[in-house]
Amino acid sequence: MTCPSYTIHSRNCHCGWNNAFPPAHTAEPGQTLTFECKDASGGYYTADSTSADVGGQDPATINPVTGPIIVDGAKPGDVLKITLESFAPSGFGWTAIIPGFGLLADQFQDARLHLWNYERDLTVPAMFGNHARVPLKPFTGTIGVAPAEPGTHSVIPPRRVGGNMDIRDLSAGSVLYLPVEVEGALLSIGDTHAAQGDGEVCGTAIESAMSVTVKIDLIKDQPLRFPRFETAGPVTRHIDCAGYDVTTGIGPDLMTACRDAVSGMIDLLGRSRKMSAEDAYMLCSVCGDLRISEIVDAPNWVVSFYVPRAVFA
């Protein structure tokens, strides 16, 4: 017998993780659910917002997630299998430089907001002013289950049970496996993005409200240390058609190397594309990929930052 589909409306949202939050629904393994997800600001930014609005939001309202959902029969030691079936984007999004947040927060201390309007059918890239056209690939930035530790925990850092992982490849067709720590699992989903580069270096992607349809399954008695996922690939087809410009950071500290690689790309985009540093930083966050290229030749490691030339075509 097929379980009927069910919609979890965005009014059923919460900020932070707490295994005492009341459930919005109880799902059966095998059921298909649609989560109506708010953007990371919870709707704070609108078409009339400006950079002056950045920083004015109550921190307690940031990154709401829809749920939680009890999965009938889920117990600690089980694995929740989540098949991401489809995304229905809203057509509106935002990217911001938020003071005190992001990989280069010390270098970018002034607020900046960019608003996006894009085709909901994703048939054309989203325009980044006159600078670039960013191909879209919707995914869920935050997806997780409740931790066993009591109390309310911030939704910002990712956790063993998932959460704010910001993995671009958790897109349609991917399958995510999460370790269950509490009875019922208590699944929540949110922080949906229309596009993002690996690393989300300025701290925000194309943050955009959308609905996410998933199928829930349960794997019994198969402990999992950390989340894992499957993706059919290829993972960069939407941008991998015109080559890349790449900068590197090299040294004994991976975080410093990351910062050097991204700073180098911002400088390069300023020279070659006549972009302001702020625009280059935001563009890097929504379509550039931060990668570890080498981590065995001690004492120095290599981090590379890739920006696809396709966005400038």
C-alpha atoms as a PDB file:
ATOM      1  CA  MET A   1       0.000   0.000   0.000  1.00  0.00           C
ATOM      2  CA  THR A   2       1.393   3.424  -0.981  1.00  0.00           C
ATOM      3  CA  CYS A   3       1.396   6.080   1.730  1.00  0.00           C
ATOM      4  CA  PRO A   4      -0.392   9.286   0.668  1.00  0.00           C
ATOM      5  CA  SER A   5       1.722  12.401   0.133  1.00  0.00           C
ATOM      6  CA  TYR A   6       1.515  15.194   2.677  1.00  0.00           C
ATOM      7  CA  THR A   7       2.502  18.894   2.744  1.00  0.00           C
ATOM      8  CA  ILE A   8       4.221  20.519   5.725  1.00  0.00           C
ATOM      9  CA  HIS A   9       3.361  24.202   5.476  1.00  0.00           C
ATOM     10  CA  SER A  10       5.929  26.893   6.229  1.00  0.00           C
ATOM     11  CA  ARG A  11       3.996  28.085   9.275  1.00  0.00           C
ATOM     12  CA  ASN A  12       5.295  24.909  10.932  1.00  0.00           C
ATOM     13  CA  CYS A  13       8.823  26.214  11.314  1.00  0.00           C
ATOM     14  CA  HIS A  14      11.329  26.585  14.105  1.00  0.00           C
ATOM     15  CA  CYS A  15      14.776  28.103  14.657  1.00  0.00           C
ATOM     16  CA  GLY A  16      17.388  25.920  16.312  1.00  0.00           C
ATOM     17  CA  TRP A  17      17.316  22.212  17.135  1.00  0.00           C
ATOM     18  CA  ASN A  18      15.494  20.804  20.141  1.00  0.00           C
ATOM     19  CA  ASN A  19      14.203  17.262  20.544  1.00  0.00           C
ATOM     20  CA  ALA A  20      11.332  18.646  22.649  1.00  0.00           C
ATOM     21  CA  PHE A  21       9.830  20.693  19.804  1.00  0.00           C
ATOM     22  CA  PRO A  22       6.287  19.464  19.044  1.00  0.00           C
ATOM     23  CA  PRO A  23       5.997  17.575  15.758  1.00  0.00           C
ATOM     24  CA  ALA A  24       4.103  18.990  12.787  1.00  0.00           C
ATOM     25  CA  HIS A  25       3.292  15.551  11.383  1.00  0.00           C
ATOM     26  CA  THR A  26       3.941  11.846  11.819  1.00  0.00           C
ATOM     27  CA  ALA A  27       5.130  10.154   8.632  1.00  0.00           C
ATOM     28  CA  GLU A  28       5.275   6.503   7.720  1.00  0.00           C
ATOM     29  CA  PRO A  29       8.401   5.058   6.090  1.00  0.00           C
ATOM     30  CA  GLY A  30       7.852   5.170   2.349  1.00  0.00           C
ATOM     31  CA  GLN A  31       5.778   8.350   2.501  1.00  0.00           C
ATOM     32  CA  THR A  32       6.361  11.349   0.238  1.00  0.00           C
ATOM     33  CA  LEU A  33       6.353  14.743   1.936  1.00  0.00           C
ATOM     34  CA  THR A  34       6.515  18.287   0.594  1.00  0.00           C
ATOM     35  CA  PHE A  35       8.151  20.854   2.873  1.00  0.00           C
ATOM     36  CA  GLU A  36       7.286  24.511   2.248  1.00  0.00           C
ATOM     37  CA  CYS A  37      10.562  26.205   3.189  1.00  0.00           C
ATOM     38  CA  LYS A  38      11.221  29.838   3.972  1.00  0.00           C
ATOM     39  CA  ASP A  39      14.504  31.429   2.953  1.00  0.00           C
ATOM     40  CA  ALA A  40      17.289  31.827   5.518  1.00  0.00           C
ATOM     41  CA  SER A  41      15.920  35.230   6.552  1.00  0.00           C
ATOM     42  CA  GLY A  42      12.430  33.839   7.100  1.00  0.00           C
ATOM     43  CA  GLY A  43      11.079  36.377   4.611  1.00  0.00           C
ATOM     44  CA  TYR A  44      12.831  39.367   6.181  1.00  0.00           C
ATOM     45  CA  TYR A  45      14.177  40.515   2.814  1.00  0.00           C
ATOM     46  CA  THR A  46      11.700  41.681   0.170  1.00  0.00           C
ATOM     47  CA  ALA A  47      11.875  43.295  -3.253  1.00  0.00           C
ATOM     48  CA  ASP A  48      12.141  46.667  -1.498  1.00  0.00           C
ATOM     49  CA  SER A  49      15.061  45.738   0.776  1.00  0.00           C
ATOM     50  CA  THR A  50      18.420  47.503   0.538  1.00  0.00           C
ATOM     51  CA  SER A  51      21.867  47.061   2.020  1.00  0.00           C
ATOM     52  CA  ALA A  52      20.737  49.262   4.906  1.00  0.00           C
ATOM     53  CA  ASP A  53      18.463  46.418   6.022  1.00  0.00           C
ATOM     54  CA  VAL A  54      21.331  43.948   6.459  1.00  0.00           C
ATOM     55  CA  GLY A  55      21.987  43.378  10.135  1.00  0.00           C
ATOM     56  CA  GLY A  56      18.572  44.578  11.228  1.00  0.00           C
ATOM     57  CA  GLN A  57      17.029  41.145  11.599  1.00  0.00           C
ATOM     58  CA  ASP A  58      16.546  39.537  15.008  1.00  0.00           C
ATOM     59  CA  PRO A  59      19.270  36.824  15.160  1.00  0.00           C
ATOM     60  CA  ALA A  60      16.782  34.478  16.836  1.00  0.00           C
ATOM     61  CA  THR A  61      14.722  34.380  13.606  1.00  0.00           C
ATOM     62  CA  ILE A  62      17.559  33.448  11.235  1.00  0.00           C
ATOM     63  CA  ASN A  63      17.556  30.181   9.287  1.00  0.00           C
ATOM     64  CA  PRO A  64      14.101  28.783  10.110  1.00  0.00           C
ATOM     65  CA  VAL A  65      13.484  25.152   9.164  1.00  0.00           C
ATOM     66  CA  THR A  66      10.139  23.504   8.445  1.00  0.00           C
ATOM     67  CA  GLY A  67       9.107  20.625  10.714  1.00  0.00           C
ATOM     68  CA  PRO A  68       9.881  18.662  12.751  1.00  0.00           C
ATOM     69  CA  ILE A  69       8.459  15.427  11.389  1.00  0.00           C
ATOM     70  CA  ILE A  70       8.223  12.218  13.366  1.00  0.00           C
ATOM     71  CA  VAL A  71       9.122   9.155  11.319  1.00  0.00           C
ATOM     72  CA  ASP A  72       7.133   6.282  12.757  1.00  0.00           C
ATOM     73  CA  GLY A  73       9.362   3.523  14.085  1.00  0.00           C
ATOM     74  CA  ALA A  74      12.631   5.497  13.978  1.00  0.00           C
ATOM     75  CA  LYS A  75      14.875   4.843  16.973  1.00  0.00           C
ATOM     76  CA  PRO A  76      18.446   5.728  17.972  1.00  0.00           C
ATOM     77  CA  GLY A  77      20.859   3.634  15.962  1.00  0.00           C
ATOM     78  CA  ASP A  78      18.645   3.668  12.859  1.00  0.00           C
ATOM     79  CA  VAL A  79      19.324   5.597   9.655  1.00  0.00           C
ATOM     80  CA  LEU A  80      16.870   7.949   7.993  1.00  0.00           C
ATOM     81  CA  LYS A  81      17.027   7.700   4.186  1.00  0.00           C
ATOM     82  CA  ILE A  82      15.807  10.830   2.414  1.00  0.00           C
ATOM     83  CA  THR A  83      15.385  10.878  -1.349  1.00  0.00           C
ATOM     84  CA  LEU A  84      15.276  14.459  -2.642  1.00  0.00           C
ATOM     85  CA  GLU A  85      12.732  14.244  -5.434  1.00  0.00           C
ATOM     86  CA  SER A  86      12.042  17.792  -6.602  1.00  0.00           C
ATOM     87  CA  PHE A  87      12.240  21.511  -5.849  1.00  0.00           C
ATOM     88  CA  ALA A  88       9.711  24.252  -6.626  1.00  0.00           C
ATOM     89  CA  PRO A  89      11.569  27.593  -6.377  1.00  0.00           C
ATOM     90  CA  SER A  90       9.889  30.930  -5.663  1.00  0.00           C
ATOM     91  CA  GLY A  91      11.722  33.050  -8.271  1.00  0.00           C
ATOM     92  CA  PHE A  92      13.038  35.561  -5.711  1.00  0.00           C
ATOM     93  CA  GLY A  93      16.232  35.414  -3.694  1.00  0.00           C
ATOM     94  CA  TRP A  94      18.981  37.381  -2.042  1.00  0.00           C
ATOM     95  CA  THR A  95      22.705  37.289  -1.313  1.00  0.00           C
ATOM     96  CA  ALA A  96      24.312  39.397   1.378  1.00  0.00           C
ATOM     97  CA  ILE A  97      27.601  40.315   2.918  1.00  0.00           C
ATOM     98  CA  ILE A  98      26.756  40.277   6.618  1.00  0.00           C
ATOM     99  CA  PRO A  99      29.251  42.073   8.883  1.00  0.00           C
ATOM    100  CA  GLY A 100      31.066  39.618  11.133  1.00  0.00           C
ATOM    101  CA  PHE A 101      30.089  36.596   9.019  1.00  0.00           C
ATOM    102  CA  GLY A 102      31.813  34.775   6.168  1.00  0.00           C
ATOM    103  CA  LEU A 103      35.279  33.507   5.307  1.00  0.00           C
ATOM    104  CA  LEU A 104      36.692  37.019   4.806  1.00  0.00           C
ATOM    105  CA  ALA A 105      34.669  38.821   7.476  1.00  0.00           C
ATOM    106  CA  ASP A 106      37.727  40.824   8.567  1.00  0.00           C
ATOM    107  CA  GLN A 107      38.206  42.154   5.033  1.00  0.00           C
ATOM    108  CA  PHE A 108      34.530  42.897   4.294  1.00  0.00           C
ATOM    109  CA  GLN A 109      33.080  44.810   7.219  1.00  0.00           C
ATOM    110  CA  ASP A 110      30.350  46.759   5.399  1.00  0.00           C
ATOM    111  CA  ALA A 111      26.927  45.292   4.653  1.00  0.00           C
ATOM    112  CA  ARG A 112      25.926  44.606   1.067  1.00  0.00           C
ATOM    113  CA  LEU A 113      22.700  43.130  -0.334  1.00  0.00           C
ATOM    114  CA  HIS A 114      21.982  41.802  -3.806  1.00  0.00           C
ATOM    115  CA  LEU A 115      18.435  40.829  -4.790  1.00  0.00           C
ATOM    116  CA  TRP A 116      17.772  38.169  -7.424  1.00  0.00           C
ATOM    117  CA  ASN A 117      14.776  37.564  -9.655  1.00  0.00           C
ATOM    118  CA  TYR A 118      14.897  34.407 -11.730  1.00  0.00           C
ATOM    119  CA  GLU A 119      12.652  32.184 -13.820  1.00  0.00           C
ATOM    120  CA  ARG A 120      10.939  29.623 -11.608  1.00  0.00           C
ATOM    121  CA  ASP A 121      11.351  26.941 -14.261  1.00  0.00           C
ATOM    122  CA  LEU A 122      15.145  27.519 -14.067  1.00  0.00           C
ATOM    123  CA  THR A 123      15.432  27.654 -17.854  1.00  0.00           C
ATOM    124  CA  VAL A 124      17.760  30.661 -17.896  1.00  0.00           C
ATOM    125  CA  PRO A 125      20.554  31.781 -15.561  1.00  0.00           C
ATOM    126  CA  ALA A 126      19.925  34.471 -12.969  1.00  0.00           C
ATOM    127  CA  MET A 127      21.414  37.873 -13.726  1.00  0.00           C
ATOM    128  CA  PHE A 128      24.008  39.297 -11.337  1.00  0.00           C
ATOM    129  CA  GLY A 129      23.687  42.915 -12.413  1.00  0.00           C
ATOM    130  CA  ASN A 130      25.689  43.507 -15.593  1.00  0.00           C
ATOM    131  CA  HIS A 131      28.523  41.293 -14.427  1.00  0.00           C
ATOM    132  CA  ALA A 132      27.436  37.677 -14.740  1.00  0.00           C
ATOM    133  CA  ARG A 133      24.695  35.142 -15.426  1.00  0.00           C
ATOM    134  CA  VAL A 134      24.558  32.407 -12.788  1.00  0.00           C
ATOM    135  CA  PRO A 135      23.115  28.989 -13.766  1.00  0.00           C
ATOM    136  CA  LEU A 136      20.741  27.675 -11.115  1.00  0.00           C
ATOM    137  CA  LYS A 137      20.788  24.416  -9.191  1.00  0.00           C
ATOM    138  CA  PRO A 138      18.300  24.368  -6.284  1.00  0.00           C
ATOM    139  CA  PHE A 139      19.138  22.452  -3.138  1.00  0.00           C
ATOM    140  CA  THR A 140      18.422  22.409   0.559  1.00  0.00           C
ATOM    141  CA  GLY A 141      21.109  24.032   2.682  1.00  0.00           C
ATOM    142  CA  THR A 142      19.755  22.767   5.999  1.00  0.00           C
ATOM    143  CA  ILE A 143      18.349  19.282   6.492  1.00  0.00           C
ATOM    144  CA  GLY A 144      18.678  17.307   9.687  1.00  0.00           C
ATOM    145  CA  VAL A 145      17.171  15.438  12.572  1.00  0.00           C
ATOM    146  CA  ALA A 146      17.065  16.317  16.263  1.00  0.00           C
ATOM    147  CA  PRO A 147      20.165  15.749  18.409  1.00  0.00           C
ATOM    148  CA  ALA A 148      19.954  13.613  21.540  1.00  0.00           C
ATOM    149  CA  GLU A 149      21.381  16.344  23.771  1.00  0.00           C
ATOM    150  CA  PRO A 150      18.517  18.213  25.479  1.00  0.00           C
ATOM    151  CA  GLY A 151      17.853  21.916  25.083  1.00  0.00           C
ATOM    152  CA  THR A 152      17.859  24.275  22.112  1.00  0.00           C
ATOM    153  CA  HIS A 153      20.955  24.340  19.921  1.00  0.00           C
ATOM    154  CA  SER A 154      21.909  26.844  17.226  1.00  0.00           C
ATOM    155  CA  VAL A 155      20.949  25.945  13.677  1.00  0.00           C
ATOM    156  CA  ILE A 156      24.026  27.698  12.245  1.00  0.00           C
ATOM    157  CA  PRO A 157      26.750  25.043  12.689  1.00  0.00           C
ATOM    158  CA  PRO A 158      26.273  21.637  11.038  1.00  0.00           C
ATOM    159  CA  ARG A 159      26.138  18.591  13.303  1.00  0.00           C
ATOM    160  CA  ARG A 160      26.561  14.839  13.333  1.00  0.00           C
ATOM    161  CA  VAL A 161      22.823  14.593  12.621  1.00  0.00           C
ATOM    162  CA  GLY A 162      23.003  16.947   9.645  1.00  0.00           C
ATOM    163  CA  GLY A 163      21.667  20.467   9.852  1.00  0.00           C
ATOM    164  CA  ASN A 164      23.204  23.451   8.100  1.00  0.00           C
ATOM    165  CA  MET A 165      25.585  21.460   5.885  1.00  0.00           C
ATOM    166  CA  ASP A 166      25.216  23.687   2.789  1.00  0.00           C
ATOM    167  CA  ILE A 167      26.167  20.848   0.433  1.00  0.00           C
ATOM    168  CA  ARG A 168      25.343  21.994  -3.085  1.00  0.00           C
ATOM    169  CA  ASP A 169      24.876  18.425  -4.319  1.00  0.00           C
ATOM    170  CA  LEU A 170      21.895  17.754  -2.039  1.00  0.00           C
ATOM    171  CA  SER A 171      19.787  18.568  -5.080  1.00  0.00           C
ATOM    172  CA  ALA A 172      17.036  16.746  -6.948  1.00  0.00           C
ATOM    173  CA  GLY A 173      17.856  13.068  -7.346  1.00  0.00           C
ATOM    174  CA  SER A 174      20.304  12.842  -4.463  1.00  0.00           C
ATOM    175  CA  VAL A 175      19.760  10.507  -1.514  1.00  0.00           C
ATOM    176  CA  LEU A 176      20.815  11.564   1.981  1.00  0.00           C
ATOM    177  CA  TYR A 177      21.378   9.234   4.940  1.00  0.00           C
ATOM    178  CA  LEU A 178      21.193  10.691   8.463  1.00  0.00           C
ATOM    179  CA  PRO A 179      21.980   8.997  11.779  1.00  0.00           C
ATOM    180  CA  VAL A 180      18.981   8.937  14.141  1.00  0.00           C
ATOM    181  CA  GLU A 181      19.640   9.984  17.754  1.00  0.00           C
ATOM    182  CA  VAL A 182      16.122  10.310  19.175  1.00  0.00           C
ATOM    183  CA  GLU A 183      12.919   8.323  18.871  1.00  0.00           C
ATOM    184  CA  GLY A 184      10.956   9.473  15.822  1.00  0.00           C
ATOM    185  CA  ALA A 185      14.033  11.164  14.313  1.00  0.00           C
ATOM    186  CA  LEU A 186      12.293  14.594  14.108  1.00  0.00           C
ATOM    187  CA  LEU A 187      13.268  15.679  10.590  1.00  0.00           C
ATOM    188  CA  SER A 188      13.291  19.341   9.543  1.00  0.00           C
ATOM    189  CA  ILE A 189      14.263  21.009   6.251  1.00  0.00           C
ATOM    190  CA  GLY A 190      14.970  24.624   5.275  1.00  0.00           C
ATOM    191  CA  ASP A 191      17.553  27.196   4.147  1.00  0.00           C
ATOM    192  CA  THR A 192      16.825  26.477   0.485  1.00  0.00           C
ATOM    193  CA  HIS A 193      19.173  27.895  -2.150  1.00  0.00           C
ATOM    194  CA  ALA A 194      18.751  28.533  -5.866  1.00  0.00           C
ATOM    195  CA  ALA A 195      22.522  28.354  -6.422  1.00  0.00           C
ATOM    196  CA  GLN A 196      25.724  28.163  -4.409  1.00  0.00           C
ATOM    197  CA  GLY A 197      29.395  27.488  -4.893  1.00  0.00           C
ATOM    198  CA  ASP A 198      31.191  24.880  -2.798  1.00  0.00           C
ATOM    199  CA  GLY A 199      32.236  26.716   0.341  1.00  0.00           C
ATOM    200  CA  GLU A 200      29.548  29.461   0.337  1.00  0.00           C
ATOM    201  CA  VAL A 201      32.458  31.760   1.061  1.00  0.00           C
ATOM    202  CA  CYS A 202      30.687  35.047   1.860  1.00  0.00           C
ATOM    203  CA  GLY A 203      28.250  33.191   4.126  1.00  0.00           C
ATOM    204  CA  THR A 204      25.195  33.355   1.876  1.00  0.00           C
ATOM    205  CA  ALA A 205      24.159  31.752  -1.422  1.00  0.00           C
ATOM    206  CA  ILE A 206      21.169  32.706  -3.568  1.00  0.00           C
ATOM    207  CA  GLU A 207      18.910  32.368  -0.554  1.00  0.00           C
ATOM    208  CA  SER A 208      15.431  31.599  -1.843  1.00  0.00           C
ATOM    209  CA  ALA A 209      12.170  30.227  -0.486  1.00  0.00           C
ATOM    210  CA  MET A 210      10.939  27.067  -2.194  1.00  0.00           C
ATOM    211  CA  SER A 211       9.107  23.808  -1.653  1.00  0.00           C
ATOM    212  CA  VAL A 212      11.047  20.557  -1.371  1.00  0.00           C
ATOM    213  CA  THR A 213       9.504  17.160  -2.052  1.00  0.00           C
ATOM    214  CA  VAL A 214      11.209  14.165  -0.461  1.00  0.00           C
ATOM    215  CA  LYS A 215      10.572  10.488   0.111  1.00  0.00           C
ATOM    216  CA  ILE A 216      11.274   9.165   3.608  1.00  0.00           C
ATOM    217  CA  ASP A 217      12.560   5.664   4.319  1.00  0.00           C
ATOM    218  CA  LEU A 218      13.988   3.999   7.392  1.00  0.00           C
ATOM    219  CA  ILE A 219      16.955   1.638   7.674  1.00  0.00           C
ATOM    220  CA  LYS A 220      16.868  -0.274  10.948  1.00  0.00           C
ATOM    221  CA  ASP A 221      19.803  -1.098  13.196  1.00  0.00           C
ATOM    222  CA  GLN A 222      22.545   0.248  10.959  1.00  0.00           C
ATOM    223  CA  PRO A 223      24.498   2.840  12.964  1.00  0.00           C
ATOM    224  CA  LEU A 224      26.016   5.701  10.967  1.00  0.00           C
ATOM    225  CA  ARG A 225      28.704   8.001  12.377  1.00  0.00           C
ATOM    226  CA  PHE A 226      28.065  10.985  10.131  1.00  0.00           C
ATOM    227  CA  PRO A 227      25.723  11.897   7.260  1.00  0.00           C
ATOM    228  CA  ARG A 228      26.457  10.449   3.846  1.00  0.00           C
ATOM    229  CA  PHE A 229      24.765  10.917   0.488  1.00  0.00           C
ATOM    230  CA  GLU A 230      24.519   9.566  -3.041  1.00  0.00           C
ATOM    231  CA  THR A 231      24.302  11.698  -6.154  1.00  0.00           C
ATOM    232  CA  ALA A 232      23.924  10.525  -9.717  1.00  0.00           C
ATOM    233  CA  GLY A 233      26.131  13.322 -11.063  1.00  0.00           C
ATOM    234  CA  PRO A 234      27.660  14.938 -12.944  1.00  0.00           C
ATOM    235  CA  VAL A 235      27.755  17.560 -10.234  1.00  0.00           C
ATOM    236  CA  THR A 236      28.922  20.602 -12.230  1.00  0.00           C
ATOM    237  CA  ARG A 237      27.208  20.133 -15.590  1.00  0.00           C
ATOM    238  CA  HIS A 238      25.231  23.355 -15.123  1.00  0.00           C
ATOM    239  CA  ILE A 239      28.448  25.413 -15.114  1.00  0.00           C
ATOM    240  CA  ASP A 240      31.115  23.117 -16.571  1.00  0.00           C
ATOM    241  CA  CYS A 241      31.056  24.212 -20.225  1.00  0.00           C
ATOM    242  CA  ALA A 242      33.521  27.065 -20.691  1.00  0.00           C
ATOM    243  CA  GLY A 243      36.445  26.312 -18.410  1.00  0.00           C
ATOM    244  CA  TYR A 244      37.508  27.922 -15.152  1.00  0.00           C
ATOM    245  CA  ASP A 245      39.754  30.558 -13.710  1.00  0.00           C
ATOM    246  CA  VAL A 246      41.511  29.215 -10.617  1.00  0.00           C
ATOM    247  CA  THR A 247      43.497  30.814  -7.811  1.00  0.00           C
ATOM    248  CA  THR A 248      45.322  28.979  -5.023  1.00  0.00           C
ATOM    249  CA  GLY A 249      46.365  29.332  -1.409  1.00  0.00           C
ATOM    250  CA  ILE A 250      49.376  27.357  -0.174  1.00  0.00           C
ATOM    251  CA  GLY A 251      50.624  26.907   3.384  1.00  0.00           C
ATOM    252  CA  PRO A 252      50.512  24.812   6.579  1.00  0.00           C
ATOM    253  CA  ASP A 253      47.048  26.006   7.645  1.00  0.00           C
ATOM    254  CA  LEU A 254      44.010  25.004   5.569  1.00  0.00           C
ATOM    255  CA  MET A 255      41.856  27.912   6.718  1.00  0.00           C
ATOM    256  CA  THR A 256      44.537  30.447   5.844  1.00  0.00           C
ATOM    257  CA  ALA A 257      45.014  28.769   2.470  1.00  0.00           C
ATOM    258  CA  CYS A 258      41.253  28.984   1.852  1.00  0.00           C
ATOM    259  CA  ARG A 259      41.274  32.683   2.638  1.00  0.00           C
ATOM    260  CA  ASP A 260      44.282  33.292   0.382  1.00  0.00           C
ATOM    261  CA  ALA A 261      42.697  31.407  -2.521  1.00  0.00           C
ATOM    262  CA  VAL A 262      39.434  33.366  -2.290  1.00  0.00           C
ATOM    263  CA  SER A 263      41.203  36.703  -1.796  1.00  0.00           C
ATOM    264  CA  GLY A 264      43.262  35.969  -4.881  1.00  0.00           C
ATOM    265  CA  MET A 265      40.116  35.343  -6.927  1.00  0.00           C
ATOM    266  CA  ILE A 266      38.489  38.557  -5.712  1.00  0.00           C
ATOM    267  CA  ASP A 267      41.590  40.461  -6.825  1.00  0.00           C
ATOM    268  CA  LEU A 268      41.583  38.653 -10.183  1.00  0.00           C
ATOM    269  CA  LEU A 269      37.896  39.401 -10.839  1.00  0.00           C
ATOM    270  CA  GLY A 270      38.500  43.031  -9.963  1.00  0.00           C
ATOM    271  CA  ARG A 271      41.296  43.282 -12.536  1.00  0.00           C
ATOM    272  CA  SER A 272      39.875  41.103 -15.298  1.00  0.00           C
ATOM    273  CA  ARG A 273      36.120  41.759 -14.951  1.00  0.00           C
ATOM    274  CA  LYS A 274      36.163  45.277 -13.466  1.00  0.00           C
ATOM    275  CA  MET A 275      34.061  44.136 -10.506  1.00  0.00           C
ATOM    276  CA  SER A 276      34.010  45.762  -7.104  1.00  0.00           C
ATOM    277  CA  ALA A 277      35.498  43.642  -4.348  1.00  0.00           C
ATOM    278  CA  GLU A 278      32.056  43.292  -2.744  1.00  0.00           C
ATOM    279  CA  ASP A 279      30.424  42.074  -5.952  1.00  0.00           C
ATOM    280  CA  ALA A 280      33.282  39.666  -6.612  1.00  0.00           C
ATOM    281  CA  TYR A 281      32.988  38.246  -3.090  1.00  0.00           C
ATOM    282  CA  MET A 282      29.255  37.623  -3.454  1.00  0.00           C
ATOM    283  CA  LEU A 283      29.686  36.105  -6.929  1.00  0.00           C
ATOM    284  CA  CYS A 284      32.364  33.777  -5.562  1.00  0.00           C
ATOM    285  CA  SER A 285      29.901  32.621  -2.917  1.00  0.00           C
ATOM    286  CA  VAL A 286      27.094  31.758  -5.334  1.00  0.00           C
ATOM    287  CA  CYS A 287      29.094  30.016  -8.076  1.00  0.00           C
ATOM    288  CA  GLY A 288      32.758  29.523  -7.143  1.00  0.00           C
ATOM    289  CA  ASP A 289      34.095  26.235  -5.781  1.00  0.00           C
ATOM    290  CA  LEU A 290      36.626  25.919  -2.968  1.00  0.00           C
ATOM    291  CA  ARG A 291      38.564  22.654  -3.145  1.00  0.00           C
ATOM    292  CA  ILE A 292      41.407  20.942  -1.325  1.00  0.00           C
ATOM    293  CA  SER A 293      43.838  20.090  -4.093  1.00  0.00           C
ATOM    294  CA  GLU A 294      46.640  18.564  -2.000  1.00  0.00           C
ATOM    295  CA  ILE A 295      46.876  17.558   1.650  1.00  0.00           C
ATOM    296  CA  VAL A 296      49.768  15.051   1.755  1.00  0.00           C
ATOM    297  CA  ASP A 297      52.927  17.005   0.977  1.00  0.00           C
ATOM    298  CA  ALA A 298      53.765  18.289   4.456  1.00  0.00           C
ATOM    299  CA  PRO A 299      54.210  20.888   5.709  1.00  0.00           C
ATOM    300  CA  ASN A 300      52.196  22.817   3.089  1.00  0.00           C
ATOM    301  CA  TRP A 301      48.738  22.105   1.691  1.00  0.00           C
ATOM    302  CA  VAL A 302      47.123  23.471  -1.478  1.00  0.00           C
ATOM    303  CA  VAL A 303      43.603  24.918  -1.687  1.00  0.00           C
ATOM    304  CA  SER A 304      42.212  25.993  -5.068  1.00  0.00           C
ATOM    305  CA  PHE A 305      39.294  28.275  -5.845  1.00  0.00           C
ATOM    306  CA  TYR A 306      37.461  27.754  -9.162  1.00  0.00           C
ATOM    307  CA  VAL A 307      35.211  30.310 -10.848  1.00  0.00           C
ATOM    308  CA  PRO A 308      33.403  29.040 -13.967  1.00  0.00           C
ATOM    309  CA  ARG A 309      33.872  31.174 -17.056  1.00  0.00           C
ATOM    310  CA  ALA A 310      30.369  30.140 -18.143  1.00  0.00           C
ATOM    311  CA  VAL A 311      28.861  32.811 -15.884  1.00  0.00           C
ATOM    312  CA  PHE A 312      30.540  35.511 -18.015  1.00  0.00           C
ATOM    313  CA  ALA A 313      29.534  34.120 -21.413  1.00  0.00           C
END
